[in-house]
């Protein structure tokens, strides 16, 4: 009897696990991301406000914008410390621009990323250590001329990441 109960329990776990994997592979969002306002400040001082989703945990950062057919908001990736950051586009269906920012909010580098649905996927790495990464729809960096001298401000958590 105990063996039958154990077998049934394992069967249920396998089914639940299989449904979760199937659901994730079909594009449902497992992680719900909080939304925040961020500000990008140009070297001339012009500030633009954007609503972005925030990926602050390892699970959220791993999932990112996977399986989305469109990107309405960008996504801000928060890391505990500045280090060389590496991203890939595995199971990401839309092209994106990624911008990297240092601990003080200063722009450090950017690149355009293309979708990848099968291995091997290209890796995209920050030029220098970065604490924050911002993914936006492809073309964002070029159309806004984001480059050295730009800063980002994260007012939603009460911290300004910009030089005074």
N, C-alpha and C. Protein backbone atom coordinates (compact mmCIF):
# COMPACT_ATOMS: atom_id res chain seq x y z
N UNK A 1 0.82 -1.20 0.00
CA UNK A 1 0.00 0.00 0.00
C UNK A 1 0.87 1.27 0.00
N UNK A 2 1.93 1.28 0.84
CA UNK A 2 2.82 2.44 0.89
C UNK A 2 3.50 2.65 -0.46
N UNK A 3 3.85 1.56 -1.12
CA UNK A 3 4.49 1.66 -2.43
C UNK A 3 3.53 2.26 -3.46
N UNK A 4 2.25 1.88 -3.40
CA UNK A 4 1.26 2.43 -4.32
C UNK A 4 1.07 3.93 -4.08
N UNK A 5 1.05 4.34 -2.84
CA UNK A 5 0.90 5.77 -2.52
C UNK A 5 2.13 6.54 -3.02
N UNK A 6 3.31 5.98 -2.77
CA UNK A 6 4.54 6.63 -3.23
C UNK A 6 4.55 6.73 -4.76
N UNK A 7 4.15 5.68 -5.44
CA UNK A 7 4.10 5.68 -6.90
C UNK A 7 3.10 6.72 -7.40
N UNK A 8 1.94 6.79 -6.77
CA UNK A 8 0.93 7.77 -7.15
C UNK A 8 1.48 9.19 -6.95
N UNK A 9 2.15 9.44 -5.82
CA UNK A 9 2.71 10.75 -5.52
C UNK A 9 3.74 11.15 -6.58
N UNK A 10 4.62 10.23 -6.95
CA UNK A 10 5.63 10.50 -7.98
C UNK A 10 4.94 10.77 -9.31
N UNK A 11 3.91 10.03 -9.64
CA UNK A 11 3.15 10.23 -10.87
C UNK A 11 2.57 11.65 -10.92
N UNK A 12 1.96 12.08 -9.82
CA UNK A 12 1.38 13.43 -9.76
C UNK A 12 2.47 14.49 -9.94
N UNK A 13 3.61 14.31 -9.28
CA UNK A 13 4.70 15.28 -9.43
C UNK A 13 5.20 15.35 -10.87
N UNK A 14 5.30 14.21 -11.53
CA UNK A 14 5.73 14.20 -12.92
C UNK A 14 4.74 14.92 -13.82
N UNK A 15 3.46 14.71 -13.59
CA UNK A 15 2.43 15.38 -14.39
C UNK A 15 2.48 16.89 -14.16
N UNK A 16 2.52 17.31 -12.91
CA UNK A 16 2.57 18.75 -12.61
C UNK A 16 3.83 19.37 -13.20
N UNK A 17 4.96 18.71 -13.03
CA UNK A 17 6.21 19.20 -13.61
C UNK A 17 6.14 19.28 -15.12
N UNK A 18 5.57 18.28 -15.76
CA UNK A 18 5.42 18.28 -17.21
C UNK A 18 4.53 19.40 -17.70
N UNK A 19 3.45 19.66 -16.99
CA UNK A 19 2.56 20.76 -17.35
C UNK A 19 3.29 22.09 -17.23
N UNK A 20 4.09 22.26 -16.18
CA UNK A 20 4.83 23.50 -15.99
C UNK A 20 5.82 23.72 -17.11
N UNK A 21 6.58 22.69 -17.48
CA UNK A 21 7.55 22.81 -18.57
C UNK A 21 6.83 23.10 -19.88
N UNK A 22 5.72 22.38 -20.15
CA UNK A 22 4.96 22.61 -21.38
C UNK A 22 4.43 24.04 -21.41
N UNK A 23 3.88 24.50 -20.30
CA UNK A 23 3.32 25.84 -20.22
C UNK A 23 4.40 26.89 -20.47
N UNK A 24 5.57 26.72 -19.86
CA UNK A 24 6.66 27.68 -20.05
C UNK A 24 7.10 27.69 -21.50
N UNK A 25 7.21 26.52 -22.12
CA UNK A 25 7.67 26.46 -23.50
C UNK A 25 6.65 27.04 -24.48
N UNK A 26 5.41 27.12 -24.09
CA UNK A 26 4.38 27.68 -24.97
C UNK A 26 4.17 29.17 -24.75
N UNK A 27 4.96 29.78 -23.87
CA UNK A 27 4.96 31.22 -23.79
C UNK A 27 4.23 31.83 -22.62
N UNK A 28 3.71 31.06 -21.71
CA UNK A 28 3.09 31.69 -20.56
C UNK A 28 4.18 32.22 -19.64
N UNK A 29 3.89 33.28 -18.96
CA UNK A 29 4.85 33.91 -18.07
C UNK A 29 4.78 33.23 -16.71
N UNK A 30 5.87 32.66 -16.28
CA UNK A 30 5.91 32.05 -14.97
C UNK A 30 6.16 33.09 -13.89
N UNK A 31 7.01 34.04 -14.22
CA UNK A 31 7.37 35.09 -13.26
C UNK A 31 6.56 36.34 -13.61
N UNK A 32 5.97 36.94 -12.62
CA UNK A 32 5.29 38.22 -12.82
C UNK A 32 6.28 39.32 -12.45
N UNK A 33 6.48 40.26 -13.34
CA UNK A 33 7.47 41.31 -13.14
C UNK A 33 6.82 42.60 -12.67
N UNK A 34 7.37 43.21 -11.63
CA UNK A 34 6.86 44.53 -11.23
C UNK A 34 7.23 45.56 -12.29
N UNK A 35 6.45 46.60 -12.39
CA UNK A 35 6.68 47.70 -13.32
C UNK A 35 7.22 48.90 -12.56
N UNK A 36 8.14 49.61 -13.18
CA UNK A 36 8.72 50.81 -12.58
C UNK A 36 8.90 51.87 -13.66
N UNK A 37 8.92 53.10 -13.23
CA UNK A 37 9.31 54.19 -14.13
C UNK A 37 10.81 54.35 -14.02
N UNK A 38 11.44 54.56 -15.16
CA UNK A 38 12.85 54.94 -15.16
C UNK A 38 12.97 56.20 -16.00
N UNK A 39 14.03 56.91 -15.78
CA UNK A 39 14.30 58.11 -16.55
C UNK A 39 15.65 57.93 -17.23
N UNK A 40 15.70 58.23 -18.50
CA UNK A 40 16.96 58.30 -19.21
C UNK A 40 17.27 59.77 -19.45
N UNK A 41 18.48 60.18 -19.05
CA UNK A 41 18.89 61.58 -19.19
C UNK A 41 20.00 61.67 -20.23
N UNK A 42 19.78 62.51 -21.23
CA UNK A 42 20.78 62.71 -22.28
C UNK A 42 21.90 63.60 -21.74
N UNK A 43 23.02 63.66 -22.45
CA UNK A 43 24.11 64.54 -22.01
C UNK A 43 23.71 66.01 -21.94
N UNK A 44 22.70 66.40 -22.72
CA UNK A 44 22.23 67.80 -22.68
C UNK A 44 21.28 68.07 -21.52
N UNK A 45 20.90 67.01 -20.80
CA UNK A 45 20.01 67.18 -19.64
C UNK A 45 18.56 66.86 -19.92
N UNK A 46 18.21 66.55 -21.16
CA UNK A 46 16.82 66.17 -21.48
C UNK A 46 16.50 64.82 -20.84
N UNK A 47 15.36 64.76 -20.14
CA UNK A 47 14.96 63.52 -19.48
C UNK A 47 13.70 62.94 -20.12
N UNK A 48 13.72 61.64 -20.37
CA UNK A 48 12.57 60.92 -20.90
C UNK A 48 12.20 59.82 -19.91
N UNK A 49 10.89 59.66 -19.65
CA UNK A 49 10.40 58.66 -18.70
C UNK A 49 9.89 57.45 -19.46
N UNK A 50 10.22 56.27 -18.98
CA UNK A 50 9.78 55.02 -19.58
C UNK A 50 9.27 54.08 -18.50
N UNK A 51 8.21 53.35 -18.81
CA UNK A 51 7.72 52.27 -17.92
C UNK A 51 8.43 51.00 -18.36
N UNK A 52 9.05 50.31 -17.42
CA UNK A 52 9.73 49.06 -17.72
C UNK A 52 9.37 48.02 -16.68
N UNK A 53 9.51 46.77 -17.06
CA UNK A 53 9.39 45.68 -16.11
C UNK A 53 10.76 45.50 -15.46
N UNK A 54 10.77 45.03 -14.21
CA UNK A 54 12.03 44.90 -13.48
C UNK A 54 12.30 43.43 -13.16
N UNK A 55 13.47 42.98 -13.54
CA UNK A 55 13.94 41.62 -13.23
C UNK A 55 15.06 41.76 -12.21
N UNK A 56 14.73 41.49 -10.94
CA UNK A 56 15.69 41.72 -9.86
C UNK A 56 16.18 40.44 -9.20
N UNK A 57 15.57 39.30 -9.51
CA UNK A 57 15.99 38.04 -8.90
C UNK A 57 16.66 37.16 -9.96
N UNK A 58 17.45 36.18 -9.54
CA UNK A 58 18.06 35.30 -10.54
C UNK A 58 17.03 34.62 -11.45
N UNK A 59 15.90 34.18 -10.89
CA UNK A 59 14.86 33.53 -11.69
C UNK A 59 14.27 34.51 -12.70
N UNK A 60 13.98 35.72 -12.26
CA UNK A 60 13.42 36.73 -13.16
C UNK A 60 14.41 37.11 -14.25
N UNK A 61 15.69 37.27 -13.87
CA UNK A 61 16.71 37.62 -14.87
C UNK A 61 16.88 36.50 -15.89
N UNK A 62 16.78 35.26 -15.46
CA UNK A 62 16.91 34.13 -16.37
C UNK A 62 15.76 34.10 -17.37
N UNK A 63 14.56 34.36 -16.91
CA UNK A 63 13.38 34.34 -17.78
C UNK A 63 13.35 35.54 -18.71
N UNK A 64 13.59 36.72 -18.16
CA UNK A 64 13.61 37.93 -18.97
C UNK A 64 12.40 38.05 -19.89
N UNK A 65 12.66 38.34 -21.14
CA UNK A 65 11.59 38.54 -22.13
C UNK A 65 11.37 37.31 -23.02
N UNK A 66 11.73 36.14 -22.50
CA UNK A 66 11.56 34.90 -23.28
C UNK A 66 10.11 34.68 -23.69
N UNK A 67 9.94 34.13 -24.87
CA UNK A 67 8.66 33.66 -25.42
C UNK A 67 7.66 34.77 -25.73
N UNK A 68 8.03 36.01 -25.60
CA UNK A 68 7.08 37.09 -25.90
C UNK A 68 7.10 37.38 -27.40
N UNK A 69 5.90 37.55 -27.93
CA UNK A 69 5.79 37.83 -29.36
C UNK A 69 5.92 39.33 -29.64
N UNK A 70 5.67 40.14 -28.64
CA UNK A 70 5.85 41.59 -28.75
C UNK A 70 6.44 42.09 -27.43
N UNK A 71 7.07 43.23 -27.51
CA UNK A 71 7.59 43.87 -26.30
C UNK A 71 6.96 45.26 -26.22
N UNK A 72 6.09 45.44 -25.25
CA UNK A 72 5.42 46.72 -25.07
C UNK A 72 6.27 47.62 -24.19
N UNK A 73 6.79 47.05 -23.10
CA UNK A 73 7.67 47.78 -22.19
C UNK A 73 9.06 47.16 -22.30
N UNK A 74 10.03 47.93 -21.93
CA UNK A 74 11.37 47.37 -21.83
C UNK A 74 11.50 46.60 -20.52
N UNK A 75 12.69 46.07 -20.29
CA UNK A 75 12.95 45.35 -19.05
C UNK A 75 14.29 45.81 -18.48
N UNK A 76 14.26 46.15 -17.20
CA UNK A 76 15.47 46.55 -16.48
C UNK A 76 15.93 45.37 -15.64
N UNK A 77 17.19 44.99 -15.80
CA UNK A 77 17.80 43.91 -15.04
C UNK A 77 18.66 44.53 -13.95
N UNK A 78 18.37 44.21 -12.70
CA UNK A 78 19.12 44.73 -11.56
C UNK A 78 20.05 43.65 -11.03
N UNK A 79 21.29 44.00 -10.83
CA UNK A 79 22.28 43.07 -10.27
C UNK A 79 22.81 43.64 -8.96
N UNK A 80 23.30 42.76 -8.09
CA UNK A 80 23.79 43.17 -6.78
C UNK A 80 25.05 44.01 -6.84
N UNK A 81 25.87 43.78 -7.85
CA UNK A 81 27.12 44.53 -7.96
C UNK A 81 27.50 44.66 -9.43
N UNK A 82 28.41 45.57 -9.69
CA UNK A 82 28.90 45.76 -11.06
C UNK A 82 29.85 44.62 -11.41
N UNK A 83 29.60 44.01 -12.53
CA UNK A 83 30.47 42.98 -13.08
C UNK A 83 30.20 42.89 -14.57
N UNK A 84 31.05 42.20 -15.29
CA UNK A 84 30.79 42.01 -16.71
C UNK A 84 29.50 41.20 -16.83
N UNK A 85 28.53 41.74 -17.54
CA UNK A 85 27.22 41.09 -17.69
C UNK A 85 27.14 40.46 -19.08
N UNK A 86 26.64 39.24 -19.12
CA UNK A 86 26.48 38.53 -20.39
C UNK A 86 25.03 38.07 -20.54
N UNK A 87 24.46 38.35 -21.69
CA UNK A 87 23.08 37.98 -22.00
C UNK A 87 23.06 37.14 -23.26
N UNK A 88 21.98 36.40 -23.44
CA UNK A 88 21.72 35.70 -24.68
C UNK A 88 20.25 35.86 -24.99
N UNK A 89 19.86 35.44 -26.18
CA UNK A 89 18.48 35.63 -26.64
C UNK A 89 17.76 34.31 -26.81
N UNK A 90 18.17 33.28 -26.08
CA UNK A 90 17.53 31.96 -26.18
C UNK A 90 16.03 32.09 -25.92
N UNK A 91 15.23 31.61 -26.84
CA UNK A 91 13.77 31.63 -26.77
C UNK A 91 13.19 33.04 -26.66
N UNK A 92 13.95 34.02 -27.09
CA UNK A 92 13.44 35.39 -27.16
C UNK A 92 13.07 35.62 -28.63
N UNK A 93 11.83 35.99 -28.85
CA UNK A 93 11.27 35.98 -30.20
C UNK A 93 11.34 37.32 -30.93
N UNK A 94 11.71 38.38 -30.23
CA UNK A 94 11.75 39.71 -30.84
C UNK A 94 13.16 40.30 -30.70
N UNK A 95 13.60 41.05 -31.71
CA UNK A 95 14.92 41.69 -31.61
C UNK A 95 14.88 42.80 -30.55
N UNK A 96 15.99 42.96 -29.86
CA UNK A 96 16.07 43.93 -28.77
C UNK A 96 17.39 44.70 -28.83
N UNK A 97 17.38 45.89 -28.25
CA UNK A 97 18.62 46.61 -27.94
C UNK A 97 18.85 46.43 -26.45
N UNK A 98 20.11 46.31 -26.07
CA UNK A 98 20.45 46.25 -24.66
C UNK A 98 21.47 47.34 -24.36
N UNK A 99 21.22 48.04 -23.26
CA UNK A 99 22.13 49.08 -22.79
C UNK A 99 22.61 48.67 -21.40
N UNK A 100 23.90 48.87 -21.16
CA UNK A 100 24.48 48.55 -19.87
C UNK A 100 24.86 49.85 -19.16
N UNK A 101 24.61 49.89 -17.85
CA UNK A 101 24.90 51.06 -17.04
C UNK A 101 25.70 50.65 -15.80
N UNK A 102 26.64 51.50 -15.40
CA UNK A 102 27.45 51.23 -14.22
C UNK A 102 26.67 51.49 -12.94
N UNK A 103 27.31 51.27 -11.82
CA UNK A 103 26.67 51.44 -10.50
C UNK A 103 26.15 52.86 -10.29
N UNK A 104 26.78 53.85 -10.91
CA UNK A 104 26.34 55.24 -10.76
C UNK A 104 25.30 55.65 -11.80
N UNK A 105 24.86 54.70 -12.63
CA UNK A 105 23.86 55.00 -13.66
C UNK A 105 24.44 55.47 -14.97
N UNK A 106 25.77 55.55 -15.08
CA UNK A 106 26.40 56.00 -16.32
C UNK A 106 26.34 54.91 -17.38
N UNK A 107 26.01 55.32 -18.59
CA UNK A 107 26.00 54.42 -19.73
C UNK A 107 27.40 53.87 -19.95
N UNK A 108 27.52 52.54 -20.15
CA UNK A 108 28.84 51.95 -20.40
C UNK A 108 28.93 51.30 -21.78
N UNK A 109 27.84 50.72 -22.28
CA UNK A 109 27.87 50.14 -23.63
C UNK A 109 26.46 49.70 -24.03
N UNK A 110 26.33 49.39 -25.32
CA UNK A 110 25.05 48.88 -25.82
C UNK A 110 25.31 48.00 -27.04
N UNK A 111 24.32 47.22 -27.38
CA UNK A 111 24.39 46.40 -28.59
C UNK A 111 22.97 46.01 -29.00
N UNK A 112 22.82 45.63 -30.24
CA UNK A 112 21.55 45.09 -30.73
C UNK A 112 21.61 43.58 -30.66
N UNK A 113 20.51 42.95 -30.27
CA UNK A 113 20.46 41.51 -30.11
C UNK A 113 19.38 40.93 -31.02
N UNK A 114 19.68 39.79 -31.62
CA UNK A 114 18.74 39.15 -32.52
C UNK A 114 18.14 37.90 -31.87
N UNK A 115 16.90 37.56 -32.23
CA UNK A 115 16.24 36.38 -31.65
C UNK A 115 17.04 35.10 -31.89
N UNK A 116 16.87 34.15 -30.97
CA UNK A 116 17.52 32.85 -31.10
C UNK A 116 16.58 31.80 -30.53
N UNK A 117 16.21 30.83 -31.35
CA UNK A 117 15.31 29.77 -30.89
C UNK A 117 15.98 28.41 -30.81
N UNK A 118 17.26 28.32 -31.23
CA UNK A 118 17.96 27.05 -31.10
C UNK A 118 19.44 27.31 -30.84
N UNK A 119 20.06 26.38 -30.15
CA UNK A 119 21.47 26.50 -29.81
C UNK A 119 22.34 26.28 -31.04
N UNK A 120 23.51 26.90 -31.09
CA UNK A 120 24.06 27.79 -30.09
C UNK A 120 23.56 29.22 -30.31
N UNK A 121 23.31 29.93 -29.24
CA UNK A 121 22.87 31.32 -29.30
C UNK A 121 24.07 32.23 -29.05
N UNK A 122 24.09 33.35 -29.74
CA UNK A 122 25.14 34.34 -29.58
C UNK A 122 25.08 34.94 -28.18
N UNK A 123 26.24 35.27 -27.62
CA UNK A 123 26.31 35.93 -26.32
C UNK A 123 26.56 37.42 -26.52
N UNK A 124 25.94 38.24 -25.68
CA UNK A 124 26.07 39.69 -25.73
C UNK A 124 26.60 40.15 -24.38
N UNK A 125 27.77 40.78 -24.36
CA UNK A 125 28.46 41.09 -23.11
C UNK A 125 28.70 42.58 -22.99
N UNK A 126 28.59 43.09 -21.76
CA UNK A 126 28.89 44.50 -21.51
C UNK A 126 30.38 44.75 -21.77
N UNK A 127 30.70 45.95 -22.27
CA UNK A 127 32.09 46.28 -22.59
C UNK A 127 32.95 46.38 -21.33
N UNK A 128 32.35 46.80 -20.23
CA UNK A 128 33.02 46.93 -18.93
C UNK A 128 32.02 46.48 -17.87
N UNK A 129 32.46 46.33 -16.62
CA UNK A 129 31.50 45.93 -15.58
C UNK A 129 30.29 46.88 -15.52
N UNK A 130 29.13 46.29 -15.37
CA UNK A 130 27.86 47.03 -15.30
C UNK A 130 27.01 46.44 -14.19
N UNK A 131 26.20 47.29 -13.57
CA UNK A 131 25.29 46.82 -12.53
C UNK A 131 23.86 46.70 -13.03
N UNK A 132 23.56 47.40 -14.11
CA UNK A 132 22.20 47.44 -14.64
C UNK A 132 22.24 47.19 -16.14
N UNK A 133 21.22 46.50 -16.63
CA UNK A 133 21.05 46.29 -18.07
C UNK A 133 19.60 46.64 -18.41
N UNK A 134 19.42 47.36 -19.49
CA UNK A 134 18.09 47.77 -19.93
C UNK A 134 17.85 47.25 -21.34
N UNK A 135 16.85 46.37 -21.48
CA UNK A 135 16.46 45.88 -22.79
C UNK A 135 15.24 46.67 -23.27
N UNK A 136 15.33 47.14 -24.51
CA UNK A 136 14.24 47.88 -25.14
C UNK A 136 14.05 47.32 -26.56
N UNK A 137 12.91 47.61 -27.19
CA UNK A 137 12.70 47.13 -28.55
C UNK A 137 13.86 47.56 -29.47
N UNK A 138 14.16 46.71 -30.45
CA UNK A 138 15.24 47.00 -31.40
C UNK A 138 15.04 48.36 -32.04
N UNK A 139 16.14 49.08 -32.22
CA UNK A 139 16.11 50.41 -32.81
C UNK A 139 16.07 51.53 -31.79
N UNK A 140 15.82 51.20 -30.53
CA UNK A 140 15.71 52.21 -29.48
C UNK A 140 17.00 53.01 -29.34
N UNK A 141 18.13 52.33 -29.29
CA UNK A 141 19.41 53.02 -29.08
C UNK A 141 19.69 53.98 -30.23
N UNK A 142 19.50 53.53 -31.47
CA UNK A 142 19.77 54.38 -32.64
C UNK A 142 18.80 55.56 -32.71
N UNK A 143 17.51 55.30 -32.49
CA UNK A 143 16.53 56.38 -32.63
C UNK A 143 16.65 57.42 -31.52
N UNK A 144 17.19 57.04 -30.36
CA UNK A 144 17.36 57.99 -29.26
C UNK A 144 18.81 58.44 -29.10
N UNK A 145 19.69 57.95 -29.95
CA UNK A 145 21.12 58.27 -29.94
C UNK A 145 21.71 58.09 -28.53
N UNK A 146 21.41 56.95 -27.92
CA UNK A 146 21.93 56.66 -26.59
C UNK A 146 23.39 56.23 -26.72
N UNK A 147 24.26 56.92 -26.00
CA UNK A 147 25.69 56.64 -26.05
C UNK A 147 26.37 57.20 -24.81
N UNK A 148 27.68 57.24 -24.83
CA UNK A 148 28.44 57.75 -23.68
C UNK A 148 27.91 59.11 -23.27
N UNK A 149 27.78 59.31 -21.97
CA UNK A 149 27.26 60.57 -21.44
C UNK A 149 25.82 60.46 -20.96
N UNK A 150 25.12 59.41 -21.38
CA UNK A 150 23.75 59.19 -20.93
C UNK A 150 23.76 58.62 -19.52
N UNK A 151 22.70 58.87 -18.78
CA UNK A 151 22.53 58.34 -17.43
C UNK A 151 21.12 57.76 -17.32
N UNK A 152 20.95 56.90 -16.34
CA UNK A 152 19.59 56.48 -16.04
C UNK A 152 19.31 56.76 -14.58
N UNK A 153 18.04 57.04 -14.31
CA UNK A 153 17.57 57.36 -12.96
C UNK A 153 16.47 56.36 -12.65
N UNK A 154 16.53 55.79 -11.47
CA UNK A 154 15.54 54.81 -11.03
C UNK A 154 14.77 55.38 -9.85
N UNK A 155 13.82 56.31 -10.10
CA UNK A 155 13.13 56.99 -9.01
C UNK A 155 12.18 56.10 -8.21
N UNK A 156 11.73 54.99 -8.79
CA UNK A 156 10.74 54.14 -8.12
C UNK A 156 11.25 53.55 -6.82
N UNK A 157 12.57 53.42 -6.68
CA UNK A 157 13.11 52.88 -5.44
C UNK A 157 13.85 53.96 -4.66
N UNK A 158 13.66 55.20 -5.07
CA UNK A 158 14.21 56.33 -4.32
C UNK A 158 15.70 56.53 -4.48
N UNK A 159 16.29 55.91 -5.50
CA UNK A 159 17.72 56.08 -5.70
C UNK A 159 17.96 56.73 -7.05
N UNK A 160 18.73 57.78 -7.08
CA UNK A 160 19.09 58.42 -8.33
C UNK A 160 20.44 57.88 -8.75
N UNK A 161 20.54 57.44 -9.97
CA UNK A 161 21.80 56.92 -10.49
C UNK A 161 22.28 57.87 -11.57
N UNK A 162 22.75 59.02 -11.12
CA UNK A 162 23.28 59.98 -12.07
C UNK A 162 24.23 60.92 -11.34
N UNK A 163 25.11 61.49 -12.10
CA UNK A 163 26.04 62.46 -11.52
C UNK A 163 25.30 63.76 -11.29
N UNK A 164 25.64 64.44 -10.25
CA UNK A 164 25.01 65.75 -9.94
C UNK A 164 25.71 66.84 -10.72
